[in-house]
C-alpha atoms as a PDB file:
ATOM      1  CA  MET A   1      19.219  -7.161  -7.646  1.00  0.00           C
ATOM      2  CA  SER A   2      19.051  -7.366  -3.839  1.00  0.00           C
ATOM      3  CA  HIS A   3      16.491  -5.351  -1.933  1.00  0.00           C
ATOM      4  CA  PRO A   4      16.509  -4.132   1.660  1.00  0.00           C
ATOM      5  CA  LYS A   5      14.185  -5.945   4.045  1.00  0.00           C
ATOM      6  CA  MET A   6      12.408  -2.710   4.994  1.00  0.00           C
ATOM      7  CA  VAL A   7      10.351  -1.058   2.270  1.00  0.00           C
ATOM      8  CA  THR A   8       9.658   2.645   2.132  1.00  0.00           C
ATOM      9  CA  SER A   9       7.431   4.956   0.210  1.00  0.00           C
ATOM     10  CA  ALA A  10      10.538   6.891  -0.845  1.00  0.00           C
ATOM     11  CA  GLU A  11      11.919   3.802  -2.595  1.00  0.00           C
ATOM     12  CA  ALA A  12       8.662   3.314  -4.493  1.00  0.00           C
ATOM     13  CA  ASP A  13       8.626   7.007  -5.462  1.00  0.00           C
ATOM     14  CA  ARG A  14      12.240   6.788  -6.672  1.00  0.00           C
ATOM     15  CA  LEU A  15      11.502   3.696  -8.750  1.00  0.00           C
ATOM     16  CA  GLU A  16       8.406   5.313 -10.241  1.00  0.00           C
ATOM     17  CA  ARG A  17      10.415   8.417 -11.219  1.00  0.00           C
ATOM     18  CA  HIS A  18      12.843   6.184 -13.119  1.00  0.00           C
ATOM     19  CA  ARG A  19      10.166   4.561 -15.261  1.00  0.00           C
ATOM     20  CA  ALA A  20      10.915   4.759 -18.938  1.00  0.00           C
ATOM     21  CA  VAL A  21       9.150   7.576 -20.741  1.00  0.00           C
ATOM     22  CA  PRO A  22       7.547   6.433 -24.018  1.00  0.00           C
ATOM     23  CA  ASP A  23       8.999   7.944 -27.172  1.00  0.00           C
ATOM     24  CA  ALA A  24       6.748  10.589 -28.675  1.00  0.00           C
ATOM     25  CA  ILE A  25       8.000   9.875 -32.183  1.00  0.00           C
ATOM     26  CA  PRO A  26       8.236   6.231 -33.228  1.00  0.00           C
ATOM     27  CA  THR A  27      11.436   5.266 -34.934  1.00  0.00           C
ATOM     28  CA  LEU A  28      11.692   2.794 -37.776  1.00  0.00           C
ATOM     29  CA  THR A  29      15.196   1.730 -36.815  1.00  0.00           C
ATOM     30  CA  PRO A  30      14.867  -1.394 -34.696  1.00  0.00           C
ATOM     31  CA  GLY A  31      17.137  -1.884 -31.712  1.00  0.00           C
ATOM     32  CA  GLY A  32      18.862  -5.140 -31.048  1.00  0.00           C
ATOM     33  CA  SER A  33      16.729  -7.916 -29.588  1.00  0.00           C
ATOM     34  CA  LEU A  34      19.112  -8.330 -26.667  1.00  0.00           C
ATOM     35  CA  GLN A  35      18.777  -4.651 -25.781  1.00  0.00           C
ATOM     36  CA  TYR A  36      14.990  -4.875 -26.058  1.00  0.00           C
ATOM     37  CA  GLN A  37      14.838  -7.943 -23.821  1.00  0.00           C
ATOM     38  CA  THR A  38      17.118  -6.344 -21.225  1.00  0.00           C
ATOM     39  CA  ASP A  39      15.038  -3.163 -21.138  1.00  0.00           C
ATOM     40  CA  TYR A  40      11.843  -5.182 -20.923  1.00  0.00           C
ATOM     41  CA  ASP A  41      13.180  -7.312 -18.059  1.00  0.00           C
ATOM     42  CA  MET A  42      14.349  -4.251 -16.113  1.00  0.00           C
ATOM     43  CA  GLN A  43      10.993  -2.506 -16.559  1.00  0.00           C
ATOM     44  CA  ARG A  44       9.159  -5.647 -15.471  1.00  0.00           C
ATOM     45  CA  MET A  45      11.353  -6.044 -12.384  1.00  0.00           C
ATOM     46  CA  ARG A  46      10.858  -2.366 -11.498  1.00  0.00           C
ATOM     47  CA  GLU A  47       7.067  -2.613 -11.862  1.00  0.00           C
ATOM     48  CA  ARG A  48       6.965  -5.792  -9.761  1.00  0.00           C
ATOM     49  CA  ARG A  49       9.032  -4.099  -7.033  1.00  0.00           C
ATOM     50  CA  ILE A  50       6.757  -1.035  -7.052  1.00  0.00           C
ATOM     51  CA  ALA A  51       3.682  -3.268  -6.762  1.00  0.00           C
ATOM     52  CA  PHE A  52       5.303  -5.238  -3.925  1.00  0.00           C
ATOM     53  CA  ILE A  53       6.222  -2.065  -2.022  1.00  0.00           C
ATOM     54  CA  ARG A  54       2.785  -0.496  -2.476  1.00  0.00           C
ATOM     55  CA  THR A  55       1.099  -3.725  -1.297  1.00  0.00           C
ATOM     56  CA  ARG A  56       3.327  -3.978   1.779  1.00  0.00           C
ATOM     57  CA  LEU A  57       2.806  -0.323   2.666  1.00  0.00           C
ATOM     58  CA  ALA A  58      -0.971  -0.706   2.318  1.00  0.00           C
ATOM     59  CA  GLN A  59      -0.942  -3.818   4.530  1.00  0.00           C
ATOM     60  CA  GLN A  60       1.087  -2.091   7.225  1.00  0.00           C
ATOM     61  CA  SER A  61      -1.047   1.026   7.050  1.00  0.00           C
ATOM     62  CA  GLU A  62      -4.211  -1.045   7.496  1.00  0.00           C
ATOM     63  CA  LYS A  63      -2.622  -2.928  10.415  1.00  0.00           C
ATOM     64  CA  SER A  64      -1.576   0.333  12.043  1.00  0.00           C
ATOM     65  CA  HIS A  65      -5.080   1.804  11.681  1.00  0.00           C
ATOM     66  CA  ARG A  66      -6.669  -1.405  12.973  1.00  0.00           C
ATOM     67  CA  ASP A  67      -4.337  -1.492  15.987  1.00  0.00           C
ATOM     68  CA  HIS A  68      -5.045   2.162  16.696  1.00  0.00           C
ATOM     69  CA  ARG A  69      -8.823   1.663  16.494  1.00  0.00           C
ATOM     70  CA  GLN A  70      -8.537  -1.350  18.782  1.00  0.00           C
ATOM     71  CA  ALA A  71      -6.389   0.541  21.311  1.00  0.00           C
ATOM     72  CA  VAL A  72      -8.768   3.513  21.358  1.00  0.00           C
ATOM     73  CA  SER A  73     -11.849   1.338  21.747  1.00  0.00           C
ATOM     74  CA  HIS A  74     -10.572  -0.259  24.987  1.00  0.00           C
ATOM     75  CA  ASP A  75     -11.422   1.888  28.003  1.00  0.00           C
ATOM     76  CA  PRO A  76      -8.790   1.262  30.743  1.00  0.00           C
ATOM     77  CA  PHE A  77     -11.092   2.506  33.518  1.00  0.00           C
END
């Protein structure tokens, strides 16, 4: 799964909307182990991507605020 170099909040929101919803009623019929492993791997990859995007957005937001504070604190006159 290739990802774009630029991360956006919209991508994180889209990935979060596609999280699997837990079943309200447990079923006693087991699914195949291959299907379980595939679902588990996809959920894990999605959660890792969401965490990565949120971390990057937080870093850039902090950098932007820091740069703004620094620019405002310098009096050009």
